[in-house]
C-alpha atoms as a PDB file:
ATOM      1  CA  MET A   1    -112.109  -7.802  14.133  1.00  0.00           C
ATOM      2  CA  ALA A   2    -115.291  -6.396  12.817  1.00  0.00           C
ATOM      3  CA  VAL A   3    -118.864  -8.287  11.534  1.00  0.00           C
ATOM      4  CA  LYS A   4    -118.750  -8.222   7.874  1.00  0.00           C
ATOM      5  CA  ALA A   5    -121.424 -10.355   7.054  1.00  0.00           C
ATOM      6  CA  TYR A   6    -124.598 -12.108   8.795  1.00  0.00           C
ATOM      7  CA  LEU A   7    -126.018 -15.363   8.578  1.00  0.00           C
ATOM      8  CA  GLN A   8    -129.751 -15.000   9.227  1.00  0.00           C
ATOM      9  CA  VAL A   9    -131.925 -18.032   9.513  1.00  0.00           C
ATOM     10  CA  THR A  10    -135.759 -17.315  10.353  1.00  0.00           C
ATOM     11  CA  MET A  11    -137.517 -20.114  11.581  1.00  0.00           C
ATOM     12  CA  LYS A  12    -141.633 -20.337  12.242  1.00  0.00           C
ATOM     13  CA  ILE A  13    -141.747 -22.017  15.780  1.00  0.00           C
ATOM     14  CA  ASN A  14    -145.202 -23.188  17.675  1.00  0.00           C
ATOM     15  CA  GLU A  15    -145.602 -21.509  21.002  1.00  0.00           C
ATOM     16  CA  GLU A  16    -145.085 -24.933  22.698  1.00  0.00           C
ATOM     17  CA  ASN A  17    -141.880 -25.488  21.101  1.00  0.00           C
ATOM     18  CA  CYS A  18    -140.175 -22.225  21.770  1.00  0.00           C
ATOM     19  CA  PRO A  19    -138.741 -23.377  25.276  1.00  0.00           C
ATOM     20  CA  ALA A  20    -136.765 -26.574  23.501  1.00  0.00           C
ATOM     21  CA  ALA A  21    -135.666 -23.790  20.479  1.00  0.00           C
ATOM     22  CA  ALA A  22    -134.389 -21.408  22.919  1.00  0.00           C
ATOM     23  CA  GLY A  23    -132.292 -24.406  24.746  1.00  0.00           C
ATOM     24  CA  VAL A  24    -130.811 -25.169  21.323  1.00  0.00           C
ATOM     25  CA  TYR A  25    -129.658 -21.912  21.098  1.00  0.00           C
ATOM     26  CA  THR A  26    -128.343 -21.293  24.516  1.00  0.00           C
ATOM     27  CA  LYS A  27    -126.460 -24.715  24.291  1.00  0.00           C
ATOM     28  CA  TYR A  28    -124.646 -24.018  21.425  1.00  0.00           C
ATOM     29  CA  ARG A  29    -124.214 -20.218  21.316  1.00  0.00           C
ATOM     30  CA  GLN A  30    -120.640 -20.232  23.058  1.00  0.00           C
ATOM     31  CA  PRO A  31    -119.268 -23.138  21.182  1.00  0.00           C
ATOM     32  CA  PHE A  32    -120.386 -21.543  17.712  1.00  0.00           C
ATOM     33  CA  LEU A  33    -118.703 -18.154  19.284  1.00  0.00           C
ATOM     34  CA  ASP A  34    -115.174 -20.597  20.326  1.00  0.00           C
ATOM     35  CA  SER A  35    -115.038 -22.899  17.311  1.00  0.00           C
ATOM     36  CA  ILE A  36    -116.305 -22.155  13.985  1.00  0.00           C
ATOM     37  CA  GLU A  37    -113.896 -19.794  12.017  1.00  0.00           C
ATOM     38  CA  GLY A  38    -114.814 -16.302  11.774  1.00  0.00           C
ATOM     39  CA  ALA A  39    -117.402 -16.145  13.787  1.00  0.00           C
ATOM     40  CA  LEU A  40    -118.250 -12.970  15.933  1.00  0.00           C
ATOM     41  CA  THR A  41    -121.561 -12.675  17.191  1.00  0.00           C
ATOM     42  CA  LYS A  42    -124.747 -14.760  18.090  1.00  0.00           C
ATOM     43  CA  GLU A  43    -128.123 -13.248  18.525  1.00  0.00           C
ATOM     44  CA  LEU A  44    -131.810 -14.319  19.199  1.00  0.00           C
ATOM     45  CA  LEU A  45    -134.542 -12.367  18.093  1.00  0.00           C
ATOM     46  CA  VAL A  46    -137.946 -12.686  18.619  1.00  0.00           C
ATOM     47  CA  ARG A  47    -141.370 -11.973  17.468  1.00  0.00           C
ATOM     48  CA  ASP A  48    -144.639 -13.333  17.878  1.00  0.00           C
ATOM     49  CA  GLU A  49    -144.581 -14.929  13.827  1.00  0.00           C
ATOM     50  CA  ASP A  50    -141.083 -16.318  14.129  1.00  0.00           C
ATOM     51  CA  VAL A  51    -137.602 -16.602  15.602  1.00  0.00           C
ATOM     52  CA  GLN A  52    -134.268 -15.645  14.069  1.00  0.00           C
ATOM     53  CA  VAL A  53    -130.999 -16.297  15.026  1.00  0.00           C
ATOM     54  CA  LEU A  54    -128.767 -13.544  13.741  1.00  0.00           C
ATOM     55  CA  HIS A  55    -125.170 -14.811  13.147  1.00  0.00           C
ATOM     56  CA  GLY A  56    -122.421 -12.386  12.725  1.00  0.00           C
ATOM     57  CA  PHE A  57    -118.626 -13.378  10.726  1.00  0.00           C
ATOM     58  CA  ASP A  58    -115.747 -11.537   9.562  1.00  0.00           C
ATOM     59  CA  SER A  59    -116.918 -12.646   5.964  1.00  0.00           C
ATOM     60  CA  VAL A  60    -119.196 -13.961   3.303  1.00  0.00           C
ATOM     61  CA  GLU A  61    -117.071 -17.335   2.780  1.00  0.00           C
ATOM     62  CA  HIS A  62    -116.918 -17.815   6.676  1.00  0.00           C
ATOM     63  CA  ALA A  63    -120.606 -17.307   7.274  1.00  0.00           C
ATOM     64  CA  GLN A  64    -121.493 -20.011   3.970  1.00  0.00           C
ATOM     65  CA  ALA A  65    -119.033 -22.731   5.635  1.00  0.00           C
ATOM     66  CA  TYR A  66    -120.902 -22.706   8.531  1.00  0.00           C
ATOM     67  CA  LEU A  67    -123.818 -23.967   6.804  1.00  0.00           C
ATOM     68  CA  THR A  68    -121.790 -26.848   5.653  1.00  0.00           C
ATOM     69  CA  SER A  69    -119.950 -27.535   9.342  1.00  0.00           C
ATOM     70  CA  GLU A  70    -120.431 -30.190  11.571  1.00  0.00           C
ATOM     71  CA  MET A  71    -121.548 -28.309  14.011  1.00  0.00           C
ATOM     72  CA  PHE A  72    -124.806 -27.245  11.741  1.00  0.00           C
ATOM     73  CA  THR A  73    -125.391 -29.569  10.279  1.00  0.00           C
ATOM     74  CA  LYS A  74    -124.998 -32.710  12.865  1.00  0.00           C
ATOM     75  CA  GLN A  75    -125.430 -30.990  15.949  1.00  0.00           C
ATOM     76  CA  VAL A  76    -127.843 -27.104  15.409  1.00  0.00           C
ATOM     77  CA  ALA A  77    -130.200 -27.841  12.603  1.00  0.00           C
ATOM     78  CA  PRO A  78    -131.084 -31.635  13.950  1.00  0.00           C
ATOM     79  CA  ALA A  79    -131.741 -30.662  17.289  1.00  0.00           C
ATOM     80  CA  LEU A  80    -134.147 -27.310  15.902  1.00  0.00           C
ATOM     81  CA  GLN A  81    -135.827 -29.641  13.214  1.00  0.00           C
ATOM     82  CA  PRO A  82    -138.172 -30.716  15.697  1.00  0.00           C
ATOM     83  CA  THR A  83    -139.269 -27.588  16.939  1.00  0.00           C
ATOM     84  CA  TRP A  84    -139.885 -26.038  13.314  1.00  0.00           C
ATOM     85  CA  ALA A  85    -143.573 -25.371  12.023  1.00  0.00           C
ATOM     86  CA  GLY A  86    -142.448 -25.260   8.348  1.00  0.00           C
ATOM     87  CA  GLU A  87    -138.786 -24.804   6.168  1.00  0.00           C
ATOM     88  CA  PRO A  88    -136.463 -22.136   7.610  1.00  0.00           C
ATOM     89  CA  GLU A  89    -135.233 -19.498   5.723  1.00  0.00           C
ATOM     90  CA  ILE A  90    -131.927 -18.774   5.450  1.00  0.00           C
ATOM     91  CA  LYS A  91    -130.165 -15.396   4.253  1.00  0.00           C
ATOM     92  CA  ILE A  92    -126.320 -14.445   3.968  1.00  0.00           C
ATOM     93  CA  TYR A  93    -125.914 -10.788   3.636  1.00  0.00           C
ATOM     94  CA  GLY A  94    -122.332  -9.018   3.414  1.00  0.00           C
ATOM     95  CA  ILE A  95    -121.833  -6.059   4.760  1.00  0.00           C
ATOM     96  CA  ALA A  96    -121.261  -3.302   2.191  1.00  0.00           C
END
């Protein structure tokens, strides 16, 4: 199945918190792919100024649904929150 939508989460994370944030990504990557409806890909993009997690989905609706899922609201976001140096920026893109 082809990716039809991307969920982009951009976070400012201080250098000392990068290992903890990477650990959260690693811990939840496979469970995300295995159990979230419509999830197809998950990539960690790192720059000096921020970190992005790019999630690929089969639809915009599934990307939106992930943001209210138990995995995101009760596990991933709370685990990442102590590493943030500001509020994350969340965007959903549909592929035309």
